[in-house]
Amino acid sequence: MRELYKSKAFVWTLLILFLLVWFWMLGARTLVPTDEGRYAEMAREMVATQDWITTRLNGIKYFEKPPLQTWMNAVTFELFGLGEWQARLWTGLCGLLGIGLVAVTGTRVFSGRVGFYAALVLASSFFWAGMGHINTLDMGLTGMMTISLCALLMAQRDGASRDSQRNWMLLCWAGMALAVLSKGLIGIVLPGAVLVLYTLFSRDWAIWKRLHLFKGLLLFFAIATPWFVAVSLKNPEFPQFFFIHEHFQRFTSKIHSRTGPWYYFIPILVLGIVPWLGVFFQGLWQGVREERDTAGYNSLNGGRFQPKKMLLIWAAFIFVFFSISDSKLPSYILPIFPALALLIACYLERADYKALAWAGSLVAVPSAVALAFIPRVPSLAKDAFSLPLVEAHVPYIYAGTLIFFIGGVAAIRLARQHKDAAVTALAATAFLAGQVLMLGHDPQGRYSAGVDYVPALQAELKPETPIYLVGRYEQALPFYLQRTMTLVQHADEMEFGLKQEPQLWLPTVDAFVAQWVADHTAGKKDIAIINPDIYKQLVERKLPMRLIGQDPRRVIVANDPAPEAAAGGKKAAQ
């Protein structure tokens, strides 16, 4: 049988089918709090205000992250309008960029088959395929960091000409600058630390002569600096908050309450690399065993570049870095996945059928076991309200698990006859299974976002009608309703911005009650979305409220004008 990676018809057919599913899924689900609603709303506000320097959330200064993703989302909204797929387009493109980069890099640095396998591994890894369809900053950051990693590998590879080396290194520096604009100094600190560690472990001192430091730094600062200067001039409070609070204090303290044990990322990595867990450790060993006499030789400067060691150090250091940090979120380790995909692909190129059969077994057997336990999934529902939402997910869990099981069995059966077909079957079914599972989660996502209340709210709202968020913040509803809201008591992540502009919120429930009663008496209609516990207190205080909607997360009420105010309004109209 012909080698599949050499068949243009096969590769193009596979790519087109993959892209159809990838892009369709960008708009198939509701934007889920917190990240998806937050970053969509920030971009919507940027378009509405046309302020491309000072980033805001709910109309409040929000400086936790740089603006690259907000810019890209805002450009998408300008071009295509507001919507779910538009909000996820930048994330989706960054996910595809990573897949394309490992394909090109694997082909040019190692071999055509490695490039083909690397793309399959990365595209089908649960964590990568999932995060590529979630509007969060970490995929954007990872896309830019993958530019840096792959450009560095391409620049230092054996046989690179002087012009090629220079151009790829400049792209590497540009990638780091864009990573800084995506999520801050981590975009250069992590690649820089990896380079130092690589030098120490590989003793490749000559690589520093091949980095084009002067031109690279000029390009880096030309890309990264202008926004930081502009936002600091416009907002003098920015530098201290962004560089001290959001970098140093975030890493060294529990200031954001995102703590976790040292092993926090291990289960995330194990589940995230599925379906390739059966060849994961063998892939890592590729970097450990790479010897100097088999490493790529850079004839330009007499140095020996060891790409697999670079990949291993990249993955290991970033994993350890975030494991020892006092601030942890699952998506923080996303930048290691392109490196892991290349290492696993290098192993798969030389692996025998037993390794592929083992990888397939680690998919088929757990899937078969999981099928028996799926009927128990509804018992995981937190309350009676969410029970039918979880039950609606069950058919999708069955379908995804069955697809996954079929892929594992196919990989086992094909492993001996045709390696390319086995790897492709495992990758394709894992990707489809993951997307089916995500699609089935949408009823729960709609509940989290509160979007089912949008029609009822729109029927109540006029342009001048204020909406109060009492004791909670809705991350998605401001985007879907296309308006900002007034926070009450609960500052949430906007605490810093509210210190700069305290007039934008009501710091206590008593202040809200006074405003609500005054508007009621004056014949002005208000809407409030209230924390259920606070709602009970307001009912006891006999606050005038008409119920619009209610669930375990929120209570939505209206403040209808007092009868005497309404009567006065009618007389004035007559």
Protein backbone atom coordinates (compact mmCIF):
# COMPACT_ATOMS: atom_id res chain seq x y z
CA MET A 1 0.00 0.00 0.00
CA ARG A 2 1.27 3.46 -0.89
CA GLU A 3 2.56 5.67 1.91
CA LEU A 4 -0.41 7.89 2.70
CA TYR A 5 1.54 10.99 3.64
CA LYS A 6 2.91 11.08 0.09
CA SER A 7 -0.56 10.89 -1.48
CA LYS A 8 -1.70 14.43 -2.32
CA ALA A 9 -5.26 13.27 -2.92
CA PHE A 10 -5.44 11.60 0.49
CA VAL A 11 -3.81 14.50 2.37
CA TRP A 12 -5.98 17.14 0.72
CA THR A 13 -9.17 15.15 1.27
CA LEU A 14 -8.29 14.63 4.93
CA LEU A 15 -7.41 18.31 5.33
CA ILE A 16 -10.63 19.59 3.74
CA LEU A 17 -12.81 17.32 5.89
CA PHE A 18 -10.88 18.35 8.98
CA LEU A 19 -11.24 22.07 8.21
CA LEU A 20 -14.97 21.72 7.58
CA VAL A 21 -15.49 20.23 11.03
CA TRP A 22 -13.02 22.62 12.69
CA PHE A 23 -14.63 25.79 11.34
CA TRP A 24 -18.22 24.58 11.75
CA MET A 25 -17.61 23.85 15.42
CA LEU A 26 -16.44 27.41 16.05
CA GLY A 27 -20.05 28.58 15.88
CA ALA A 28 -21.87 25.48 17.05
CA ARG A 29 -21.99 26.31 20.76
CA THR A 30 -22.89 29.17 23.06
CA LEU A 31 -20.07 31.29 24.47
CA VAL A 32 -19.47 29.81 27.90
CA PRO A 33 -18.42 31.83 30.97
CA THR A 34 -15.98 32.88 32.13
CA ASP A 35 -13.33 33.39 29.47
CA GLU A 36 -15.45 33.15 26.34
CA GLY A 37 -17.96 35.76 27.41
CA ARG A 38 -15.30 38.04 28.87
CA TYR A 39 -13.05 38.26 25.82
CA ALA A 40 -15.96 38.51 23.38
CA GLU A 41 -17.43 41.38 25.41
CA MET A 42 -14.09 43.22 25.64
CA ALA A 43 -13.80 43.12 21.86
CA ARG A 44 -17.42 44.21 21.42
CA GLU A 45 -16.81 47.21 23.66
CA MET A 46 -13.63 48.04 21.74
CA VAL A 47 -15.64 48.16 18.53
CA ALA A 48 -18.43 50.18 20.17
CA THR A 49 -16.08 52.81 21.69
CA GLN A 50 -13.38 52.68 18.98
CA ASP A 51 -10.83 52.92 21.80
CA TRP A 52 -8.06 50.54 20.74
CA ILE A 53 -5.66 51.50 23.54
CA THR A 54 -7.50 51.26 26.87
CA THR A 55 -9.03 47.80 27.19
CA ARG A 56 -12.28 47.63 29.14
CA LEU A 57 -14.64 44.99 30.48
CA ASN A 58 -18.22 46.02 31.26
CA GLY A 59 -17.14 49.61 30.61
CA ILE A 60 -14.46 49.39 33.34
CA LYS A 61 -10.69 49.58 32.80
CA TYR A 62 -9.36 46.04 32.56
CA PHE A 63 -5.58 45.68 32.38
CA GLU A 64 -5.01 42.05 33.35
CA LYS A 65 -3.83 41.10 29.85
CA PRO A 66 -2.40 42.82 26.74
CA PRO A 67 -4.72 43.49 23.80
CA LEU A 68 -3.67 41.25 20.89
CA GLN A 69 -6.61 38.85 21.16
CA THR A 70 -9.04 41.68 21.87
CA TRP A 71 -7.73 43.48 18.78
CA MET A 72 -8.11 40.37 16.62
CA ASN A 73 -11.63 39.68 17.91
CA ALA A 74 -12.58 43.31 17.39
CA VAL A 75 -11.30 43.20 13.80
CA THR A 76 -13.34 40.04 13.26
CA PHE A 77 -16.46 41.75 14.63
CA GLU A 78 -15.84 44.75 12.39
CA LEU A 79 -15.57 42.49 9.34
CA PHE A 80 -18.21 39.84 10.04
CA GLY A 81 -20.46 41.16 12.81
CA LEU A 82 -21.10 39.77 16.29
CA GLY A 83 -21.50 36.05 16.87
CA GLU A 84 -20.07 32.90 18.39
CA TRP A 85 -17.91 31.82 15.46
CA GLN A 86 -16.59 35.35 15.06
CA ALA A 87 -15.64 35.43 18.76
CA ARG A 88 -13.77 32.13 18.40
CA LEU A 89 -12.19 32.76 15.01
CA TRP A 90 -8.84 34.04 16.31
CA THR A 91 -8.57 31.12 18.73
CA GLY A 92 -9.47 28.67 15.98
CA LEU A 93 -6.94 30.16 13.59
CA CYS A 94 -4.22 30.00 16.25
CA GLY A 95 -5.02 26.33 16.80
CA LEU A 96 -4.74 25.69 13.07
CA LEU A 97 -1.54 27.73 12.93
CA GLY A 98 0.05 25.44 15.50
CA ILE A 99 -0.98 22.36 13.52
CA GLY A 100 0.40 23.82 10.30
CA LEU A 101 3.65 24.89 11.94
CA VAL A 102 4.42 21.48 13.40
CA ALA A 103 3.63 19.92 10.02
CA VAL A 104 6.09 22.20 8.19
CA THR A 105 8.72 22.02 10.92
CA GLY A 106 8.49 18.26 11.26
CA THR A 107 8.88 17.89 7.50
CA ARG A 108 11.81 20.28 7.14
CA VAL A 109 13.72 19.42 10.32
CA PHE A 110 13.05 15.67 10.44
CA SER A 111 11.12 14.04 7.56
CA GLY A 112 7.89 14.18 5.60
CA ARG A 113 6.35 11.40 7.64
CA VAL A 114 7.22 13.14 10.92
CA GLY A 115 5.53 16.31 9.66
CA PHE A 116 2.41 14.36 8.71
CA TYR A 117 2.30 12.52 12.03
CA ALA A 118 2.97 15.67 14.06
CA ALA A 119 -0.02 17.42 12.49
CA LEU A 120 -2.24 14.39 13.17
CA VAL A 121 -1.06 14.09 16.77
CA LEU A 122 -1.57 17.76 17.60
CA ALA A 123 -4.90 18.13 15.79
CA SER A 124 -6.38 15.11 17.55
CA SER A 125 -5.02 15.63 21.07
CA PHE A 126 -8.07 16.25 23.23
CA PHE A 127 -6.69 19.34 24.92
CA TRP A 128 -5.50 21.05 21.74
CA ALA A 129 -8.63 20.29 19.71
CA GLY A 130 -10.80 21.42 22.61
CA MET A 131 -8.94 24.63 23.43
CA GLY A 132 -8.87 25.52 19.75
CA HIS A 133 -12.63 25.99 20.05
CA ILE A 134 -12.71 28.04 23.25
CA ASN A 135 -12.28 31.81 23.19
CA THR A 136 -9.50 32.09 25.75
CA LEU A 137 -6.11 33.79 25.71
CA ASP A 138 -3.97 30.70 26.16
CA MET A 139 -4.50 29.35 22.64
CA GLY A 140 -3.61 32.77 21.22
CA LEU A 141 -0.49 32.86 23.40
CA THR A 142 0.36 29.31 22.40
CA GLY A 143 -0.02 30.07 18.71
CA MET A 144 2.49 32.91 18.99
CA MET A 145 4.87 30.84 21.12
CA THR A 146 4.65 28.03 18.58
CA ILE A 147 5.79 30.50 15.94
CA SER A 148 8.86 31.16 18.09
CA LEU A 149 9.57 27.49 18.73
CA CYS A 150 9.13 26.29 15.16
CA ALA A 151 10.94 29.28 13.64
CA LEU A 152 13.89 28.60 15.94
CA LEU A 153 13.98 24.95 14.88
CA MET A 154 13.79 25.95 11.23
CA ALA A 155 16.54 28.55 11.60
CA GLN A 156 18.94 26.19 13.36
CA ARG A 157 18.28 23.09 11.26
CA ASP A 158 21.00 21.39 9.29
CA GLY A 159 21.51 22.95 5.88
CA ALA A 160 19.84 26.28 6.57
CA SER A 161 21.36 29.03 4.40
CA ARG A 162 22.40 32.36 5.89
CA ASP A 163 19.35 34.12 4.50
CA SER A 164 17.04 31.36 5.65
CA GLN A 165 18.60 31.32 9.10
CA ARG A 166 18.24 35.09 9.45
CA ASN A 167 14.65 35.18 8.22
CA TRP A 168 13.49 32.35 10.43
CA MET A 169 15.20 33.87 13.48
CA LEU A 170 13.52 37.20 12.80
CA LEU A 171 10.21 35.34 12.66
CA CYS A 172 11.13 33.74 15.99
CA TRP A 173 11.67 37.18 17.54
CA ALA A 174 8.40 38.42 16.03
CA GLY A 175 6.60 35.43 17.53
CA MET A 176 7.93 36.29 20.98
CA ALA A 177 6.82 39.91 20.58
CA LEU A 178 3.32 38.78 19.59
CA ALA A 179 3.30 36.38 22.55
CA VAL A 180 4.07 39.32 24.84
CA LEU A 181 1.17 41.22 23.29
CA SER A 182 -0.98 38.14 23.86
CA LYS A 183 -0.34 37.56 27.55
CA GLY A 184 2.59 39.58 28.83
CA LEU A 185 6.25 39.02 29.65
CA ILE A 186 5.80 35.29 29.79
CA GLY A 187 5.97 35.39 25.99
CA ILE A 188 9.71 36.09 26.12
CA VAL A 189 10.64 34.80 29.59
CA LEU A 190 9.68 31.19 28.85
CA PRO A 191 11.43 30.90 25.44
CA GLY A 192 14.47 32.70 26.86
CA ALA A 193 14.73 30.33 29.81
CA VAL A 194 14.34 27.33 27.49
CA LEU A 195 17.20 28.60 25.33
CA VAL A 196 19.49 29.00 28.37
CA LEU A 197 18.65 25.51 29.63
CA TYR A 198 19.15 24.03 26.16
CA THR A 199 22.58 25.62 25.97
CA LEU A 200 23.58 24.16 29.34
CA PHE A 201 22.28 20.65 28.66
CA SER A 202 23.45 20.34 25.04
CA ARG A 203 26.64 22.45 25.37
CA ASP A 204 25.70 24.08 22.08
CA TRP A 205 27.32 27.43 22.91
CA ALA A 206 27.52 28.38 19.24
CA ILE A 207 23.74 28.78 19.02
CA TRP A 208 24.05 32.25 20.56
CA LYS A 209 25.98 33.36 17.49
CA ARG A 210 23.06 32.27 15.32
CA LEU A 211 20.24 34.13 17.06
CA HIS A 212 20.69 37.47 15.24
CA LEU A 213 20.32 39.20 18.59
CA PHE A 214 20.70 42.80 17.45
CA LYS A 215 18.21 42.66 14.57
CA GLY A 216 15.94 40.39 16.56
CA LEU A 217 15.75 42.68 19.57
CA LEU A 218 15.07 45.68 17.35
CA LEU A 219 12.19 43.83 15.73
CA PHE A 220 10.93 42.56 19.08
CA PHE A 221 10.75 46.02 20.63
CA ALA A 222 9.33 47.56 17.47
CA ILE A 223 6.36 45.17 17.68
CA ALA A 224 5.89 44.86 21.43
CA THR A 225 6.64 48.34 22.77
CA PRO A 226 4.20 50.83 21.14
CA TRP A 227 1.04 49.66 22.89
CA PHE A 228 2.70 49.48 26.32
CA VAL A 229 3.93 53.06 25.89
CA ALA A 230 0.58 54.32 24.62
CA VAL A 231 -1.51 52.67 27.33
CA SER A 232 0.89 53.85 30.06
CA LEU A 233 0.71 57.45 28.83
CA LYS A 234 -3.06 57.30 28.73
CA ASN A 235 -3.39 55.38 32.01
CA PRO A 236 -0.53 56.11 34.47
CA GLU A 237 -1.77 53.41 36.83
CA PHE A 238 -1.15 50.69 34.22
CA PRO A 239 2.60 49.87 34.67
CA GLN A 240 2.46 49.03 38.39
CA PHE A 241 -0.68 46.91 38.08
CA PHE A 242 0.37 45.05 34.94
CA PHE A 243 4.06 44.40 35.55
CA ILE A 244 4.07 43.98 39.35
CA HIS A 245 0.59 42.74 40.25
CA GLU A 246 -0.16 40.65 37.15
CA HIS A 247 3.30 39.12 36.75
CA PHE A 248 5.39 38.97 39.89
CA GLN A 249 2.57 38.71 42.44
CA ARG A 250 0.52 36.33 40.30
CA PHE A 251 3.40 33.85 40.05
CA THR A 252 4.71 34.13 43.63
CA SER A 253 1.47 34.44 45.62
CA LYS A 254 -2.09 33.18 45.88
CA ILE A 255 -3.47 36.63 45.04
CA HIS A 256 -5.82 35.27 42.34
CA SER A 257 -6.96 32.23 44.35
CA ARG A 258 -5.93 29.91 41.51
CA THR A 259 -3.87 27.54 43.59
CA GLY A 260 -3.35 23.83 43.18
CA PRO A 261 -1.04 21.03 44.33
CA TRP A 262 2.28 20.31 42.62
CA TYR A 263 0.66 17.51 40.61
CA TYR A 264 -2.19 19.78 39.40
CA PHE A 265 -1.21 19.55 35.72
CA ILE A 266 -0.43 15.82 35.59
CA PRO A 267 -4.04 14.59 35.09
CA ILE A 268 -4.64 17.46 32.67
CA LEU A 269 -1.62 16.37 30.62
CA VAL A 270 -2.58 12.69 30.75
CA LEU A 271 -6.13 13.35 29.55
CA GLY A 272 -5.09 16.15 27.21
CA ILE A 273 -2.61 14.05 25.22
CA VAL A 274 -5.20 11.32 24.56
CA PRO A 275 -5.30 9.37 22.22
CA TRP A 276 -1.49 9.30 22.24
CA LEU A 277 -0.92 8.29 25.84
CA GLY A 278 0.36 4.89 24.74
CA VAL A 279 3.32 6.50 22.94
CA PHE A 280 3.70 9.60 25.11
CA PHE A 281 6.63 8.50 27.27
CA GLN A 282 8.42 6.95 24.30
CA GLY A 283 8.10 10.31 22.58
CA LEU A 284 9.70 12.09 25.53
CA TRP A 285 12.54 9.58 25.43
CA GLN A 286 13.36 10.80 21.92
CA GLY A 287 14.62 14.02 23.46
CA VAL A 288 16.51 12.32 26.26
CA ARG A 289 18.45 9.91 24.06
CA GLU A 290 19.39 12.31 21.27
CA GLU A 291 23.15 12.13 21.03
CA ARG A 292 25.53 14.74 19.76
CA ASP A 293 26.81 12.56 16.96
CA THR A 294 23.29 12.14 15.53
CA ALA A 295 22.17 15.73 16.04
CA GLY A 296 21.63 18.11 13.17
CA TYR A 297 24.93 19.76 12.20
CA ASN A 298 24.79 23.45 11.40
CA SER A 299 27.61 23.89 8.92
CA LEU A 300 27.19 27.64 8.95
CA ASN A 301 28.85 28.18 12.30
CA GLY A 302 30.24 24.79 13.22
CA GLY A 303 27.68 24.20 15.99
CA ARG A 304 25.62 21.08 16.44
CA PHE A 305 21.93 21.71 16.98
CA GLN A 306 19.87 19.05 18.76
CA PRO A 307 16.22 19.71 17.92
CA LYS A 308 14.73 16.89 19.98
CA LYS A 309 16.51 18.09 23.09
CA MET A 310 15.19 21.56 22.43
CA LEU A 311 11.65 20.17 22.19
CA LEU A 312 12.03 18.12 25.37
CA ILE A 313 13.42 21.06 27.36
CA TRP A 314 10.64 23.31 26.04
CA ALA A 315 7.95 20.88 27.18
CA ALA A 316 9.56 19.95 30.50
CA PHE A 317 10.50 23.46 31.60
CA ILE A 318 7.12 25.03 30.84
CA PHE A 319 5.37 22.17 32.63
CA VAL A 320 7.58 22.54 35.73
CA PHE A 321 7.40 26.34 35.63
CA PHE A 322 3.62 26.39 35.95
CA SER A 323 3.59 23.45 38.38
CA ILE A 324 5.62 25.43 40.93
CA SER A 325 3.64 28.63 40.36
CA ASP A 326 1.04 29.66 42.93
CA SER A 327 -1.33 30.54 40.08
CA LYS A 328 -2.68 27.59 38.12
CA LEU A 329 -5.33 27.15 35.44
CA PRO A 330 -5.64 24.06 33.18
CA SER A 331 -4.82 25.92 29.95
CA TYR A 332 -1.47 27.22 31.21
CA ILE A 333 0.38 24.14 29.92
CA LEU A 334 -1.08 24.38 26.41
CA PRO A 335 2.24 25.68 24.91
CA ILE A 336 3.92 22.32 25.53
CA PHE A 337 1.61 20.39 23.18
CA PRO A 338 3.25 21.34 19.83
CA ALA A 339 6.62 20.20 21.20
CA LEU A 340 5.09 16.96 22.46
CA ALA A 341 3.42 16.38 19.08
CA LEU A 342 6.78 16.63 17.30
CA LEU A 343 8.48 14.29 19.78
CA ILE A 344 5.68 11.73 19.55
CA ALA A 345 5.77 11.98 15.74
CA CYS A 346 9.51 11.28 15.77
CA TYR A 347 8.87 8.16 17.78
CA LEU A 348 5.94 7.03 15.63
CA GLU A 349 8.10 7.25 12.52
CA ARG A 350 10.30 4.44 13.83
CA ALA A 351 7.78 2.60 16.00
CA ASP A 352 6.79 -0.97 15.19
CA TYR A 353 3.24 -2.27 15.03
CA LYS A 354 3.30 -3.28 18.71
CA ALA A 355 3.61 0.34 19.84
CA LEU A 356 0.66 1.39 17.69
CA ALA A 357 -1.39 -1.57 18.86
CA TRP A 358 -0.65 -0.58 22.45
CA ALA A 359 -1.71 3.00 21.76
CA GLY A 360 -4.94 1.70 20.22
CA SER A 361 -5.52 -0.57 23.22
CA LEU A 362 -5.22 2.36 25.62
CA VAL A 363 -8.08 3.92 23.68
CA ALA A 364 -10.30 0.90 22.99
CA VAL A 365 -10.27 -0.70 26.44
CA PRO A 366 -11.07 2.44 28.52
CA SER A 367 -13.74 3.36 25.96
CA ALA A 368 -15.38 -0.05 26.31
CA VAL A 369 -15.37 0.31 30.09
CA ALA A 370 -16.71 3.86 29.87
CA LEU A 371 -19.68 2.71 27.77
CA ALA A 372 -20.85 0.64 30.73
CA PHE A 373 -20.74 3.59 33.12
CA ILE A 374 -22.38 6.26 30.95
CA PRO A 375 -25.89 5.52 32.35
CA ARG A 376 -24.60 6.84 35.69
CA VAL A 377 -23.64 10.24 34.27
CA PRO A 378 -26.96 11.94 35.21
CA SER A 379 -26.16 11.26 38.87
CA LEU A 380 -23.39 13.84 38.54
CA ALA A 381 -25.93 16.65 38.17
CA LYS A 382 -25.58 19.21 40.97
CA ASP A 383 -29.30 19.86 41.36
CA ALA A 384 -32.72 19.10 39.90
CA PHE A 385 -32.51 22.08 37.57
CA SER A 386 -29.31 20.88 35.87
CA LEU A 387 -30.38 17.20 35.73
CA PRO A 388 -32.15 17.43 32.32
CA LEU A 389 -29.19 19.40 30.97
CA VAL A 390 -26.81 16.61 31.95
CA GLU A 391 -29.22 14.00 30.61
CA ALA A 392 -29.22 15.83 27.26
CA HIS A 393 -25.45 15.33 27.15
CA VAL A 394 -25.69 11.55 27.55
CA PRO A 395 -26.43 10.64 23.89
CA TYR A 396 -23.42 12.68 22.81
CA ILE A 397 -21.26 10.95 25.39
CA TYR A 398 -22.41 7.61 24.02
CA ALA A 399 -21.66 8.70 20.44
CA GLY A 400 -18.26 10.17 21.26
CA THR A 401 -17.20 7.17 23.30
CA LEU A 402 -18.33 4.76 20.58
CA ILE A 403 -16.42 6.70 17.92
CA PHE A 404 -13.37 6.65 20.16
CA PHE A 405 -13.71 2.90 20.71
CA ILE A 406 -13.96 2.29 16.96
CA GLY A 407 -10.79 4.32 16.42
CA GLY A 408 -8.87 2.30 19.00
CA VAL A 409 -9.96 -1.01 17.44
CA ALA A 410 -9.14 0.26 13.94
CA ALA A 411 -5.66 1.30 15.07
CA ILE A 412 -5.05 -2.17 16.55
CA ARG A 413 -6.20 -3.94 13.38
CA LEU A 414 -4.29 -1.65 11.01
CA ALA A 415 -1.07 -1.43 13.03
CA ARG A 416 0.56 -4.48 11.46
CA GLN A 417 -0.56 -3.85 7.87
CA HIS A 418 -0.18 -0.08 7.47
CA LYS A 419 1.26 2.35 9.98
CA ASP A 420 0.03 5.51 8.22
CA ALA A 421 -3.54 4.20 8.13
CA ALA A 422 -3.43 3.21 11.81
CA VAL A 423 -2.16 6.61 12.91
CA THR A 424 -4.72 8.39 10.71
CA ALA A 425 -7.61 6.27 11.97
CA LEU A 426 -6.70 6.91 15.60
CA ALA A 427 -6.28 10.65 15.01
CA ALA A 428 -9.46 11.12 12.96
CA THR A 429 -11.75 9.27 15.35
CA ALA A 430 -10.26 10.96 18.43
CA PHE A 431 -10.79 14.39 16.88
CA LEU A 432 -14.39 13.60 15.95
CA ALA A 433 -15.11 12.07 19.37
CA GLY A 434 -13.81 15.15 21.15
CA GLN A 435 -15.89 17.51 19.03
CA VAL A 436 -19.04 15.44 19.60
CA LEU A 437 -18.47 15.56 23.36
CA MET A 438 -18.05 19.35 23.23
CA LEU A 439 -21.16 19.77 21.09
CA GLY A 440 -23.24 17.81 23.58
CA HIS A 441 -22.22 20.13 26.40
CA ASP A 442 -24.04 23.10 24.87
CA PRO A 443 -27.24 22.83 26.98
CA GLN A 444 -25.11 23.16 30.11
CA GLY A 445 -23.18 25.99 28.45
CA ARG A 446 -26.41 27.85 27.68
CA TYR A 447 -27.44 27.54 31.31
CA SER A 448 -24.07 28.85 32.52
CA ALA A 449 -24.25 31.78 30.10
CA GLY A 450 -27.93 32.55 30.79
CA VAL A 451 -28.63 33.05 27.09
CA ASP A 452 -32.10 31.47 27.26
CA TYR A 453 -33.22 34.62 29.10
CA VAL A 454 -32.07 36.93 26.31
CA PRO A 455 -35.44 37.09 24.46
CA ALA A 456 -37.31 37.90 27.69
CA LEU A 457 -34.76 40.55 28.63
CA GLN A 458 -34.81 42.13 25.19
CA ALA A 459 -38.59 42.43 25.43
CA GLU A 460 -38.18 44.41 28.66
CA LEU A 461 -35.28 46.61 27.66
CA LYS A 462 -35.16 50.05 26.13
CA PRO A 463 -31.89 51.81 25.29
CA GLU A 464 -32.07 53.84 28.53
CA THR A 465 -33.02 50.90 30.80
CA PRO A 466 -30.22 50.16 33.31
CA ILE A 467 -29.30 46.59 34.24
CA TYR A 468 -27.87 45.92 37.70
CA LEU A 469 -25.79 42.86 38.58
CA VAL A 470 -26.33 42.34 42.29
CA GLY A 471 -23.79 40.13 44.06
CA ARG A 472 -22.63 38.45 40.85
CA TYR A 473 -21.19 39.16 37.42
CA GLU A 474 -22.59 37.71 34.22
CA GLN A 475 -19.70 37.06 31.85
CA ALA A 476 -21.74 36.25 28.73
CA LEU A 477 -25.00 38.21 28.94
CA PRO A 478 -23.38 41.65 28.32
CA PHE A 479 -22.15 40.33 24.96
CA TYR A 480 -25.47 38.76 23.97
CA LEU A 481 -27.46 41.81 25.08
CA GLN A 482 -24.84 44.17 23.61
CA ARG A 483 -24.75 46.46 26.63
CA THR A 484 -22.75 46.98 29.80
CA MET A 485 -24.26 46.55 33.27
CA THR A 486 -23.83 48.19 36.68
CA LEU A 487 -22.12 46.04 39.30
CA VAL A 488 -23.49 45.98 42.84
CA GLN A 489 -21.39 44.86 45.82
CA HIS A 490 -19.50 42.22 43.80
CA ALA A 491 -16.47 43.79 42.08
CA ASP A 492 -15.18 40.43 40.83
CA GLU A 493 -12.09 40.77 38.59
CA MET A 494 -12.85 44.45 37.94
CA GLU A 495 -11.74 45.55 41.40
CA PHE A 496 -8.68 47.42 40.13
CA GLY A 497 -10.63 49.26 37.43
CA LEU A 498 -13.36 50.24 39.89
CA LYS A 499 -10.75 51.77 42.18
CA GLN A 500 -9.83 54.05 39.29
CA GLU A 501 -13.46 54.80 38.37
CA PRO A 502 -15.59 54.17 41.51
CA GLN A 503 -18.56 56.02 40.02
CA LEU A 504 -19.18 53.08 37.69
CA TRP A 505 -20.64 50.80 40.38
CA LEU A 506 -22.71 50.59 43.57
CA PRO A 507 -20.49 49.17 46.32
CA THR A 508 -23.30 48.02 48.65
CA VAL A 509 -26.70 46.38 48.40
CA ASP A 510 -28.14 49.26 50.41
CA ALA A 511 -26.99 51.71 47.74
CA PHE A 512 -28.70 49.52 45.13
CA VAL A 513 -31.93 49.38 47.14
CA ALA A 514 -31.97 53.16 47.46
CA GLN A 515 -31.47 53.60 43.70
CA TRP A 516 -34.05 50.91 42.89
CA VAL A 517 -36.72 52.48 45.12
CA ALA A 518 -35.99 55.98 43.80
CA ASP A 519 -36.35 54.79 40.19
CA HIS A 520 -39.55 52.90 41.08
CA THR A 521 -41.06 56.00 42.64
CA ALA A 522 -39.98 58.19 39.73
CA GLY A 523 -41.54 55.85 37.19
CA LYS A 524 -38.22 54.62 35.79
CA LYS A 525 -37.92 50.97 34.84
CA ASP A 526 -34.84 48.98 35.92
CA ILE A 527 -33.69 45.38 35.45
CA ALA A 528 -31.60 43.44 37.97
CA ILE A 529 -29.85 40.08 37.81
CA ILE A 530 -29.40 39.00 41.40
CA ASN A 531 -27.51 36.39 43.37
CA PRO A 532 -30.23 34.01 44.71
CA ASP A 533 -29.14 34.45 48.34
CA ILE A 534 -29.34 38.23 48.06
CA TYR A 535 -32.70 37.93 46.29
CA LYS A 536 -34.15 36.19 49.35
CA GLN A 537 -32.96 39.10 51.51
CA LEU A 538 -34.55 41.61 49.14
CA VAL A 539 -37.85 39.73 49.21
CA GLU A 540 -37.80 39.94 53.01
CA ARG A 541 -37.20 43.69 52.68
CA LYS A 542 -40.30 43.83 50.45
CA LEU A 543 -38.44 45.46 47.60
CA PRO A 544 -40.80 45.96 44.62
CA MET A 545 -39.74 43.32 42.08
CA ARG A 546 -41.44 41.48 39.23
CA LEU A 547 -39.90 38.11 38.45
CA ILE A 548 -38.70 37.59 34.87
CA GLY A 549 -36.64 34.43 35.24
CA GLN A 550 -34.98 32.29 37.89
CA ASP A 551 -32.54 29.38 38.18
CA PRO A 552 -30.01 28.23 40.79
CA ARG A 553 -27.41 30.72 39.49
CA ARG A 554 -29.45 33.90 39.11
CA VAL A 555 -32.77 35.65 39.63
CA ILE A 556 -33.88 38.24 37.06
CA VAL A 557 -36.37 40.88 38.09
CA ALA A 558 -37.84 44.13 36.78
CA ASN A 559 -38.65 47.30 38.65
CA ASP A 560 -42.00 48.40 37.25
CA PRO A 561 -42.99 52.04 37.83
CA ALA A 562 -45.12 52.76 40.89
CA PRO A 563 -48.88 53.12 40.05
CA GLU A 564 -48.92 56.81 40.88
CA ALA A 565 -45.83 57.40 38.72
CA ALA A 566 -47.37 55.45 35.84
CA ALA A 567 -50.63 57.41 36.18
CA GLY A 568 -48.73 60.67 36.16
CA GLY A 569 -46.96 59.58 33.02
CA LYS A 570 -50.28 58.83 31.29
CA LYS A 571 -51.72 62.24 32.20
CA ALA A 572 -48.63 63.96 30.89
CA ALA A 573 -48.98 62.04 27.64
CA GLN A 574 -52.61 63.12 27.30
